[in-house]
């Protein structure tokens, strides 16, 4: 059987975990008849690496388990083996600050079948990120819509083409990110991040019922807000709420807590984003908590 080669990706570190082995990226081959390749039937999650240790693994694993059941993608790897694979790969690539992505590709399904007997392929990549201060972001609204209901709503899956189209469309117009709306015109989040904003002393975010993904960093913001006695409201909101907001920020594994400078013609004052800065500071404290690091 022919195989697909994943080499020549400049964003990847030199070594990759594939199933139960660490290989040079040029030696990783994936069967083209996998449903994860043919149909994009797969799951993923991205984890942060701080000082050579993986952050919040247990939360990511918990979400993968839930997504695995809903999307019918078997993880085909035990939690201890996943932990070991992550640790070994981070050490082998000598990653101090960066990211790791776990991708689960469903095995063969449908009419195209080859010789693969695996229920799923497990891939882990890492990428080293140079430390740099986050720049305030420019947001726009996307012309593309997402559905608020469906069997895969809210799941981080490998076939998120609508999000990629929306991101590319925003970048073409010189924006950093785009706000996605659902079929009812309610804000869902950004293409690769959750969305928060402040009005008065209250913090707001779209609920999961809008189609938003239950982001891991979003989860930490809830915990931080509760400890800081911030009133956090989730619900269904129109884009007008961003025009009325005092400050706006995005949350994701990659961006962490990213302050927004503008939403289309609306300008914010990033230096006055007091709530976002409190959350930024307390989130950084969490990233140094040994209990949260693998």
C-alpha atoms as a PDB file:
ATOM      1  CA  UNK A   1       0.000   0.000   0.000  1.00  0.00           C
ATOM      2  CA  UNK A   2       1.176   3.534  -0.725  1.00  0.00           C
ATOM      3  CA  UNK A   3       1.553   5.860   2.239  1.00  0.00           C
ATOM      4  CA  UNK A   4       1.416   9.585   2.794  1.00  0.00           C
ATOM      5  CA  UNK A   5       4.526  11.335   4.063  1.00  0.00           C
ATOM      6  CA  UNK A   6       4.180  14.336   6.392  1.00  0.00           C
ATOM      7  CA  UNK A   7       7.692  15.745   6.031  1.00  0.00           C
ATOM      8  CA  UNK A   8       8.548  19.276   4.901  1.00  0.00           C
ATOM      9  CA  UNK A   9       6.334  21.021   7.454  1.00  0.00           C
ATOM     10  CA  UNK A  10       8.555  23.883   8.621  1.00  0.00           C
ATOM     11  CA  UNK A  11       6.488  24.408  11.780  1.00  0.00           C
ATOM     12  CA  UNK A  12       7.229  20.959  13.179  1.00  0.00           C
ATOM     13  CA  UNK A  13      10.109  19.975  15.379  1.00  0.00           C
ATOM     14  CA  UNK A  14      12.397  17.294  13.982  1.00  0.00           C
ATOM     15  CA  UNK A  15      10.855  14.271  15.725  1.00  0.00           C
ATOM     16  CA  UNK A  16       7.239  13.059  15.756  1.00  0.00           C
ATOM     17  CA  UNK A  17       5.400  10.443  17.815  1.00  0.00           C
ATOM     18  CA  UNK A  18       3.461   8.022  15.584  1.00  0.00           C
ATOM     19  CA  UNK A  19       1.488   5.313  17.367  1.00  0.00           C
ATOM     20  CA  UNK A  20       4.055   3.782  19.729  1.00  0.00           C
ATOM     21  CA  UNK A  21       7.297   5.155  18.237  1.00  0.00           C
ATOM     22  CA  UNK A  22       9.235   8.396  17.987  1.00  0.00           C
ATOM     23  CA  UNK A  23      10.460   8.897  14.435  1.00  0.00           C
ATOM     24  CA  UNK A  24      12.105  11.507  12.295  1.00  0.00           C
ATOM     25  CA  UNK A  25       9.325  13.475  10.611  1.00  0.00           C
ATOM     26  CA  UNK A  26      10.568  12.326   7.182  1.00  0.00           C
ATOM     27  CA  UNK A  27      10.051   8.687   8.208  1.00  0.00           C
ATOM     28  CA  UNK A  28       6.402   9.002   9.298  1.00  0.00           C
ATOM     29  CA  UNK A  29       4.038   7.367   6.838  1.00  0.00           C
ATOM     30  CA  UNK A  30       0.245   7.337   7.099  1.00  0.00           C
ATOM     31  CA  UNK A  31      -2.012   5.001   5.124  1.00  0.00           C
ATOM     32  CA  UNK A  32      -4.021   7.046   2.578  1.00  0.00           C
ATOM     33  CA  UNK A  33      -7.102   4.867   3.148  1.00  0.00           C
ATOM     34  CA  UNK A  34      -7.530   5.973   6.770  1.00  0.00           C
ATOM     35  CA  UNK A  35     -10.890   7.648   7.328  1.00  0.00           C
ATOM     36  CA  UNK A  36      -8.926  10.389   9.059  1.00  0.00           C
ATOM     37  CA  UNK A  37      -7.193  11.118   5.748  1.00  0.00           C
ATOM     38  CA  UNK A  38     -10.013  10.430   3.271  1.00  0.00           C
ATOM     39  CA  UNK A  39     -12.828  12.123   5.174  1.00  0.00           C
ATOM     40  CA  UNK A  40     -11.092  14.228   7.810  1.00  0.00           C
ATOM     41  CA  UNK A  41     -12.587  11.931  10.464  1.00  0.00           C
ATOM     42  CA  UNK A  42     -10.420  12.696  13.440  1.00  0.00           C
ATOM     43  CA  UNK A  43      -9.860  14.642  16.626  1.00  0.00           C
ATOM     44  CA  UNK A  44      -7.128  16.916  17.911  1.00  0.00           C
ATOM     45  CA  UNK A  45      -6.088  18.994  20.882  1.00  0.00           C
ATOM     46  CA  UNK A  46      -3.223  21.432  21.342  1.00  0.00           C
ATOM     47  CA  UNK A  47      -1.318  21.647  24.624  1.00  0.00           C
ATOM     48  CA  UNK A  48       1.125  24.248  25.911  1.00  0.00           C
ATOM     49  CA  UNK A  49       4.670  23.422  26.998  1.00  0.00           C
ATOM     50  CA  UNK A  50       6.250  25.536  29.715  1.00  0.00           C
ATOM     51  CA  UNK A  51       9.859  24.984  30.796  1.00  0.00           C
ATOM     52  CA  UNK A  52       9.871  21.577  29.140  1.00  0.00           C
ATOM     53  CA  UNK A  53       6.649  20.362  30.799  1.00  0.00           C
ATOM     54  CA  UNK A  54       3.163  19.887  29.335  1.00  0.00           C
ATOM     55  CA  UNK A  55       0.426  22.055  30.839  1.00  0.00           C
ATOM     56  CA  UNK A  56      -3.082  20.870  31.811  1.00  0.00           C
ATOM     57  CA  UNK A  57      -2.794  17.395  30.275  1.00  0.00           C
ATOM     58  CA  UNK A  58      -5.607  15.946  32.405  1.00  0.00           C
ATOM     59  CA  UNK A  59      -8.098  18.536  31.122  1.00  0.00           C
ATOM     60  CA  UNK A  60      -7.130  17.847  27.513  1.00  0.00           C
ATOM     61  CA  UNK A  61      -7.383  14.087  28.022  1.00  0.00           C
ATOM     62  CA  UNK A  62     -10.819  14.454  29.629  1.00  0.00           C
ATOM     63  CA  UNK A  63     -12.063  16.434  26.613  1.00  0.00           C
ATOM     64  CA  UNK A  64     -10.543  13.942  24.183  1.00  0.00           C
ATOM     65  CA  UNK A  65     -12.397  11.099  25.906  1.00  0.00           C
ATOM     66  CA  UNK A  66     -15.727  12.921  25.624  1.00  0.00           C
ATOM     67  CA  UNK A  67     -15.075  13.867  21.997  1.00  0.00           C
ATOM     68  CA  UNK A  68     -14.012  10.306  21.197  1.00  0.00           C
ATOM     69  CA  UNK A  69     -17.408   8.995  22.234  1.00  0.00           C
ATOM     70  CA  UNK A  70     -19.376  11.627  20.318  1.00  0.00           C
ATOM     71  CA  UNK A  71     -17.309  11.451  17.128  1.00  0.00           C
ATOM     72  CA  UNK A  72     -16.801   7.667  17.265  1.00  0.00           C
ATOM     73  CA  UNK A  73     -13.059   7.980  17.001  1.00  0.00           C
ATOM     74  CA  UNK A  74     -11.359   5.417  19.290  1.00  0.00           C
ATOM     75  CA  UNK A  75      -8.345   6.826  21.091  1.00  0.00           C
ATOM     76  CA  UNK A  76      -6.554   3.463  20.727  1.00  0.00           C
ATOM     77  CA  UNK A  77      -4.019   4.506  23.367  1.00  0.00           C
ATOM     78  CA  UNK A  78      -4.081   4.330  27.153  1.00  0.00           C
ATOM     79  CA  UNK A  79      -3.663   7.467  29.219  1.00  0.00           C
ATOM     80  CA  UNK A  80      -0.320   6.333  30.664  1.00  0.00           C
ATOM     81  CA  UNK A  81       1.032   5.597  27.185  1.00  0.00           C
ATOM     82  CA  UNK A  82      -0.109   9.029  26.000  1.00  0.00           C
ATOM     83  CA  UNK A  83       1.608  10.720  28.935  1.00  0.00           C
ATOM     84  CA  UNK A  84       4.791   8.777  28.308  1.00  0.00           C
ATOM     85  CA  UNK A  85       4.712   9.564  24.596  1.00  0.00           C
ATOM     86  CA  UNK A  86       4.264  13.284  25.277  1.00  0.00           C
ATOM     87  CA  UNK A  87       7.053  13.417  27.840  1.00  0.00           C
ATOM     88  CA  UNK A  88       9.449  11.447  25.652  1.00  0.00           C
ATOM     89  CA  UNK A  89       8.736  13.549  22.566  1.00  0.00           C
ATOM     90  CA  UNK A  90       9.117  16.877  24.398  1.00  0.00           C
ATOM     91  CA  UNK A  91      12.438  15.655  25.804  1.00  0.00           C
ATOM     92  CA  UNK A  92      13.626  14.249  22.459  1.00  0.00           C
ATOM     93  CA  UNK A  93      12.895  17.540  20.683  1.00  0.00           C
ATOM     94  CA  UNK A  94      14.340  19.528  23.615  1.00  0.00           C
ATOM     95  CA  UNK A  95      11.265  21.777  23.717  1.00  0.00           C
ATOM     96  CA  UNK A  96      11.413  24.323  26.509  1.00  0.00           C
ATOM     97  CA  UNK A  97       8.624  26.695  25.468  1.00  0.00           C
ATOM     98  CA  UNK A  98       6.144  25.697  22.792  1.00  0.00           C
ATOM     99  CA  UNK A  99       3.181  23.559  21.838  1.00  0.00           C
ATOM    100  CA  UNK A 100       2.276  19.917  21.380  1.00  0.00           C
ATOM    101  CA  UNK A 101      -0.580  18.742  19.197  1.00  0.00           C
ATOM    102  CA  UNK A 102      -2.233  15.359  19.649  1.00  0.00           C
ATOM    103  CA  UNK A 103      -4.075  14.153  16.539  1.00  0.00           C
ATOM    104  CA  UNK A 104      -6.208  11.006  16.416  1.00  0.00           C
ATOM    105  CA  UNK A 105      -7.053   9.784  12.898  1.00  0.00           C
ATOM    106  CA  UNK A 106      -9.843   7.227  12.624  1.00  0.00           C
ATOM    107  CA  UNK A 107      -8.874   3.960  10.942  1.00  0.00           C
ATOM    108  CA  UNK A 108     -10.387   2.607   7.753  1.00  0.00           C
ATOM    109  CA  UNK A 109     -14.121   3.117   7.204  1.00  0.00           C
ATOM    110  CA  UNK A 110     -16.455   3.372   4.238  1.00  0.00           C
ATOM    111  CA  UNK A 111     -15.869   1.869   0.821  1.00  0.00           C
ATOM    112  CA  UNK A 112     -12.141   2.630   0.530  1.00  0.00           C
ATOM    113  CA  UNK A 113     -10.148   0.110   2.507  1.00  0.00           C
ATOM    114  CA  UNK A 114      -6.573  -1.107   2.401  1.00  0.00           C
ATOM    115  CA  UNK A 115      -4.538  -3.240   4.748  1.00  0.00           C
ATOM    116  CA  UNK A 116      -4.536  -1.140   7.921  1.00  0.00           C
ATOM    117  CA  UNK A 117      -5.845  -3.022  10.965  1.00  0.00           C
ATOM    118  CA  UNK A 118      -5.572  -0.141  13.434  1.00  0.00           C
ATOM    119  CA  UNK A 119      -8.700   1.437  14.876  1.00  0.00           C
ATOM    120  CA  UNK A 120      -6.936   4.793  14.796  1.00  0.00           C
ATOM    121  CA  UNK A 121      -3.527   6.364  14.258  1.00  0.00           C
ATOM    122  CA  UNK A 122      -2.073   8.524  17.024  1.00  0.00           C
ATOM    123  CA  UNK A 123       0.218  11.410  16.089  1.00  0.00           C
ATOM    124  CA  UNK A 124       1.938  13.917  18.350  1.00  0.00           C
ATOM    125  CA  UNK A 125       3.827  16.911  16.967  1.00  0.00           C
ATOM    126  CA  UNK A 126       5.708  19.603  18.858  1.00  0.00           C
ATOM    127  CA  UNK A 127       6.753  23.107  17.895  1.00  0.00           C
ATOM    128  CA  UNK A 128       9.088  25.396  19.802  1.00  0.00           C
ATOM    129  CA  UNK A 129       7.787  28.953  20.147  1.00  0.00           C
ATOM    130  CA  UNK A 130      10.057  31.867  20.903  1.00  0.00           C
ATOM    131  CA  UNK A 131       8.787  33.853  23.873  1.00  0.00           C
ATOM    132  CA  UNK A 132       7.332  37.195  22.765  1.00  0.00           C
ATOM    133  CA  UNK A 133       4.870  39.655  24.291  1.00  0.00           C
ATOM    134  CA  UNK A 134       1.376  39.243  22.803  1.00  0.00           C
ATOM    135  CA  UNK A 135       0.326  42.084  20.526  1.00  0.00           C
ATOM    136  CA  UNK A 136      -3.262  43.410  20.766  1.00  0.00           C
ATOM    137  CA  UNK A 137      -5.471  41.854  18.101  1.00  0.00           C
ATOM    138  CA  UNK A 138      -7.713  43.281  15.398  1.00  0.00           C
ATOM    139  CA  UNK A 139     -11.044  41.445  15.032  1.00  0.00           C
ATOM    140  CA  UNK A 140     -13.675  41.431  12.325  1.00  0.00           C
ATOM    141  CA  UNK A 141     -16.918  39.549  11.857  1.00  0.00           C
ATOM    142  CA  UNK A 142     -16.830  36.571   9.512  1.00  0.00           C
ATOM    143  CA  UNK A 143     -19.304  36.160   6.641  1.00  0.00           C
ATOM    144  CA  UNK A 144     -19.267  32.395   7.287  1.00  0.00           C
ATOM    145  CA  UNK A 145     -21.701  30.762   9.720  1.00  0.00           C
ATOM    146  CA  UNK A 146     -21.457  27.718  11.972  1.00  0.00           C
ATOM    147  CA  UNK A 147     -24.279  25.473  13.183  1.00  0.00           C
ATOM    148  CA  UNK A 148     -25.181  25.567  16.843  1.00  0.00           C
ATOM    149  CA  UNK A 149     -26.405  21.968  16.893  1.00  0.00           C
ATOM    150  CA  UNK A 150     -25.330  18.701  15.332  1.00  0.00           C
ATOM    151  CA  UNK A 151     -23.441  15.545  16.293  1.00  0.00           C
ATOM    152  CA  UNK A 152     -20.040  17.244  16.015  1.00  0.00           C
ATOM    153  CA  UNK A 153     -20.871  20.713  17.321  1.00  0.00           C
ATOM    154  CA  UNK A 154     -18.324  21.859  19.873  1.00  0.00           C
ATOM    155  CA  UNK A 155     -15.808  19.115  19.061  1.00  0.00           C
ATOM    156  CA  UNK A 156     -12.215  19.927  18.067  1.00  0.00           C
ATOM    157  CA  UNK A 157     -12.099  17.828  14.928  1.00  0.00           C
ATOM    158  CA  UNK A 158      -9.580  17.650  12.121  1.00  0.00           C
ATOM    159  CA  UNK A 159     -12.086  18.746   9.424  1.00  0.00           C
ATOM    160  CA  UNK A 160     -12.814  22.298  10.599  1.00  0.00           C
ATOM    161  CA  UNK A 161     -12.691  23.788   7.117  1.00  0.00           C
ATOM    162  CA  UNK A 162     -15.266  26.509   7.849  1.00  0.00           C
ATOM    163  CA  UNK A 163     -13.005  27.902  10.574  1.00  0.00           C
ATOM    164  CA  UNK A 164      -9.989  27.891   8.258  1.00  0.00           C
ATOM    165  CA  UNK A 165     -11.951  29.652   5.513  1.00  0.00           C
ATOM    166  CA  UNK A 166     -13.113  32.280   7.987  1.00  0.00           C
ATOM    167  CA  UNK A 167      -9.584  32.797   9.327  1.00  0.00           C
ATOM    168  CA  UNK A 168      -8.084  33.126   5.849  1.00  0.00           C
ATOM    169  CA  UNK A 169     -10.817  35.535   4.780  1.00  0.00           C
ATOM    170  CA  UNK A 170     -10.127  37.758   7.794  1.00  0.00           C
ATOM    171  CA  UNK A 171      -6.368  37.691   7.186  1.00  0.00           C
ATOM    172  CA  UNK A 172      -6.881  38.740   3.561  1.00  0.00           C
ATOM    173  CA  UNK A 173      -8.636  41.830   4.942  1.00  0.00           C
ATOM    174  CA  UNK A 174      -5.678  42.494   7.294  1.00  0.00           C
ATOM    175  CA  UNK A 175      -7.420  41.357  10.488  1.00  0.00           C
ATOM    176  CA  UNK A 176      -5.843  38.975  13.004  1.00  0.00           C
ATOM    177  CA  UNK A 177      -8.971  36.939  13.761  1.00  0.00           C
ATOM    178  CA  UNK A 178     -12.676  36.714  12.983  1.00  0.00           C
ATOM    179  CA  UNK A 179     -15.786  36.402  15.136  1.00  0.00           C
ATOM    180  CA  UNK A 180     -17.972  33.502  14.015  1.00  0.00           C
ATOM    181  CA  UNK A 181     -21.761  33.676  14.198  1.00  0.00           C
ATOM    182  CA  UNK A 182     -24.190  30.770  14.199  1.00  0.00           C
ATOM    183  CA  UNK A 183     -27.315  30.349  12.059  1.00  0.00           C
ATOM    184  CA  UNK A 184     -29.271  32.595  14.472  1.00  0.00           C
ATOM    185  CA  UNK A 185     -26.734  35.415  14.262  1.00  0.00           C
ATOM    186  CA  UNK A 186     -25.404  34.764  17.781  1.00  0.00           C
ATOM    187  CA  UNK A 187     -21.697  35.082  18.511  1.00  0.00           C
ATOM    188  CA  UNK A 188     -19.952  31.724  18.899  1.00  0.00           C
ATOM    189  CA  UNK A 189     -16.292  32.681  19.299  1.00  0.00           C
ATOM    190  CA  UNK A 190     -13.263  33.308  17.108  1.00  0.00           C
ATOM    191  CA  UNK A 191     -12.069  30.840  14.479  1.00  0.00           C
ATOM    192  CA  UNK A 192      -9.504  29.318  16.859  1.00  0.00           C
ATOM    193  CA  UNK A 193     -10.292  30.856  20.242  1.00  0.00           C
ATOM    194  CA  UNK A 194     -13.028  31.545  22.744  1.00  0.00           C
ATOM    195  CA  UNK A 195     -14.363  35.078  23.107  1.00  0.00           C
ATOM    196  CA  UNK A 196     -14.829  37.206  26.257  1.00  0.00           C
ATOM    197  CA  UNK A 197     -15.758  40.828  26.828  1.00  0.00           C
ATOM    198  CA  UNK A 198     -16.394  43.139  29.762  1.00  0.00           C
ATOM    199  CA  UNK A 199     -19.200  45.641  30.310  1.00  0.00           C
ATOM    200  CA  UNK A 200     -19.122  47.455  33.610  1.00  0.00           C
ATOM    201  CA  UNK A 201     -17.838  45.014  36.205  1.00  0.00           C
ATOM    202  CA  UNK A 202     -19.274  41.952  34.463  1.00  0.00           C
ATOM    203  CA  UNK A 203     -17.583  39.479  32.147  1.00  0.00           C
ATOM    204  CA  UNK A 204     -19.464  37.813  29.283  1.00  0.00           C
ATOM    205  CA  UNK A 205     -18.889  34.883  26.923  1.00  0.00           C
ATOM    206  CA  UNK A 206     -20.991  32.833  24.462  1.00  0.00           C
ATOM    207  CA  UNK A 207     -22.457  29.684  25.979  1.00  0.00           C
ATOM    208  CA  UNK A 208     -21.754  26.230  24.589  1.00  0.00           C
ATOM    209  CA  UNK A 209     -25.352  26.193  23.311  1.00  0.00           C
ATOM    210  CA  UNK A 210     -24.314  28.700  20.622  1.00  0.00           C
ATOM    211  CA  UNK A 211     -21.916  26.118  19.165  1.00  0.00           C
ATOM    212  CA  UNK A 212     -18.845  27.341  21.060  1.00  0.00           C
ATOM    213  CA  UNK A 213     -16.059  24.885  21.852  1.00  0.00           C
ATOM    214  CA  UNK A 214     -15.308  24.162  25.497  1.00  0.00           C
ATOM    215  CA  UNK A 215     -11.760  25.498  25.358  1.00  0.00           C
ATOM    216  CA  UNK A 216      -9.287  24.488  28.049  1.00  0.00           C
ATOM    217  CA  UNK A 217      -8.098  28.073  28.583  1.00  0.00           C
ATOM    218  CA  UNK A 218     -11.772  29.140  28.693  1.00  0.00           C
ATOM    219  CA  UNK A 219     -12.208  26.677  31.546  1.00  0.00           C
ATOM    220  CA  UNK A 220      -9.358  28.307  33.462  1.00  0.00           C
ATOM    221  CA  UNK A 221     -10.895  31.755  32.946  1.00  0.00           C
ATOM    222  CA  UNK A 222     -14.066  30.500  34.652  1.00  0.00           C
ATOM    223  CA  UNK A 223     -12.003  29.309  37.624  1.00  0.00           C
ATOM    224  CA  UNK A 224     -10.002  32.541  37.796  1.00  0.00           C
ATOM    225  CA  UNK A 225     -13.157  34.666  37.570  1.00  0.00           C
ATOM    226  CA  UNK A 226     -14.766  32.725  40.419  1.00  0.00           C
ATOM    227  CA  UNK A 227     -11.706  33.154  42.676  1.00  0.00           C
ATOM    228  CA  UNK A 228     -11.478  36.852  41.794  1.00  0.00           C
ATOM    229  CA  UNK A 229     -15.210  37.252  42.489  1.00  0.00           C
ATOM    230  CA  UNK A 230     -15.887  38.454  38.964  1.00  0.00           C
ATOM    231  CA  UNK A 231     -19.454  37.978  37.782  1.00  0.00           C
ATOM    232  CA  UNK A 232     -19.192  35.899  34.582  1.00  0.00           C
ATOM    233  CA  UNK A 233     -22.298  35.585  32.401  1.00  0.00           C
ATOM    234  CA  UNK A 234     -22.614  33.111  29.539  1.00  0.00           C
ATOM    235  CA  UNK A 235     -25.440  33.196  27.034  1.00  0.00           C
ATOM    236  CA  UNK A 236     -26.499  34.051  23.492  1.00  0.00           C
ATOM    237  CA  UNK A 237     -25.419  37.502  22.344  1.00  0.00           C
ATOM    238  CA  UNK A 238     -25.499  39.616  19.145  1.00  0.00           C
ATOM    239  CA  UNK A 239     -22.403  41.372  17.815  1.00  0.00           C
ATOM    240  CA  UNK A 240     -23.714  44.669  19.190  1.00  0.00           C
ATOM    241  CA  UNK A 241     -22.375  43.562  22.574  1.00  0.00           C
ATOM    242  CA  UNK A 242     -18.807  43.911  21.266  1.00  0.00           C
ATOM    243  CA  UNK A 243     -19.543  47.455  20.145  1.00  0.00           C
ATOM    244  CA  UNK A 244     -20.784  48.259  23.655  1.00  0.00           C
ATOM    245  CA  UNK A 245     -17.927  46.466  25.431  1.00  0.00           C
ATOM    246  CA  UNK A 246     -15.177  48.222  27.394  1.00  0.00           C
ATOM    247  CA  UNK A 247     -12.623  45.478  26.759  1.00  0.00           C
ATOM    248  CA  UNK A 248     -12.466  42.259  24.731  1.00  0.00           C
ATOM    249  CA  UNK A 249     -10.083  39.318  24.839  1.00  0.00           C
ATOM    250  CA  UNK A 250      -9.632  35.889  23.278  1.00  0.00           C
ATOM    251  CA  UNK A 251      -8.515  32.689  24.980  1.00  0.00           C
ATOM    252  CA  UNK A 252      -6.823  29.625  23.513  1.00  0.00           C
ATOM    253  CA  UNK A 253      -3.883  27.333  24.133  1.00  0.00           C
ATOM    254  CA  UNK A 254      -1.846  29.107  21.467  1.00  0.00           C
ATOM    255  CA  UNK A 255      -2.793  32.708  22.279  1.00  0.00           C
ATOM    256  CA  UNK A 256      -3.343  32.186  26.039  1.00  0.00           C
ATOM    257  CA  UNK A 257      -5.146  35.419  27.110  1.00  0.00           C
ATOM    258  CA  UNK A 258      -4.985  37.798  24.137  1.00  0.00           C
ATOM    259  CA  UNK A 259      -6.282  41.354  24.456  1.00  0.00           C
ATOM    260  CA  UNK A 260      -8.220  42.769  21.494  1.00  0.00           C
ATOM    261  CA  UNK A 261      -7.436  46.274  20.217  1.00  0.00           C
ATOM    262  CA  UNK A 262     -10.291  46.645  17.755  1.00  0.00           C
ATOM    263  CA  UNK A 263     -13.434  45.064  16.367  1.00  0.00           C
ATOM    264  CA  UNK A 264     -13.977  46.359  12.826  1.00  0.00           C
ATOM    265  CA  UNK A 265     -14.368  50.147  13.325  1.00  0.00           C
ATOM    266  CA  UNK A 266     -14.664  49.913  17.121  1.00  0.00           C
ATOM    267  CA  UNK A 267     -11.431  50.777  18.953  1.00  0.00           C
ATOM    268  CA  UNK A 268     -10.608  49.635  22.486  1.00  0.00           C
ATOM    269  CA  UNK A 269      -7.913  50.851  24.880  1.00  0.00           C
ATOM    270  CA  UNK A 270      -5.713  47.786  25.559  1.00  0.00           C
ATOM    271  CA  UNK A 271      -3.899  49.599  28.394  1.00  0.00           C
ATOM    272  CA  UNK A 272      -7.242  49.918  30.172  1.00  0.00           C
ATOM    273  CA  UNK A 273      -8.160  46.234  29.801  1.00  0.00           C
ATOM    274  CA  UNK A 274      -7.997  45.780  33.563  1.00  0.00           C
ATOM    275  CA  UNK A 275     -10.030  42.585  33.825  1.00  0.00           C
ATOM    276  CA  UNK A 276      -8.085  40.909  31.023  1.00  0.00           C
ATOM    277  CA  UNK A 277      -4.791  41.843  32.681  1.00  0.00           C
ATOM    278  CA  UNK A 278      -5.887  40.386  36.013  1.00  0.00           C
ATOM    279  CA  UNK A 279      -6.822  37.168  34.235  1.00  0.00           C
ATOM    280  CA  UNK A 280      -3.538  37.189  32.292  1.00  0.00           C
ATOM    281  CA  UNK A 281      -1.551  37.509  35.507  1.00  0.00           C
ATOM    282  CA  UNK A 282      -3.429  34.788  37.342  1.00  0.00           C
ATOM    283  CA  UNK A 283      -3.284  32.479  34.342  1.00  0.00           C
ATOM    284  CA  UNK A 284       0.511  32.848  34.230  1.00  0.00           C
ATOM    285  CA  UNK A 285       0.588  31.858  37.888  1.00  0.00           C
ATOM    286  CA  UNK A 286      -1.337  28.692  37.009  1.00  0.00           C
ATOM    287  CA  UNK A 287       1.176  27.789  34.310  1.00  0.00           C
ATOM    288  CA  UNK A 288       3.849  27.638  37.000  1.00  0.00           C
ATOM    289  CA  UNK A 289       1.797  25.364  39.276  1.00  0.00           C
ATOM    290  CA  UNK A 290       3.580  22.012  39.472  1.00  0.00           C
ATOM    291  CA  UNK A 291       0.235  20.218  39.921  1.00  0.00           C
ATOM    292  CA  UNK A 292      -0.836  21.375  36.463  1.00  0.00           C
ATOM    293  CA  UNK A 293       2.353  20.298  34.685  1.00  0.00           C
ATOM    294  CA  UNK A 294       3.132  16.860  33.268  1.00  0.00           C
END
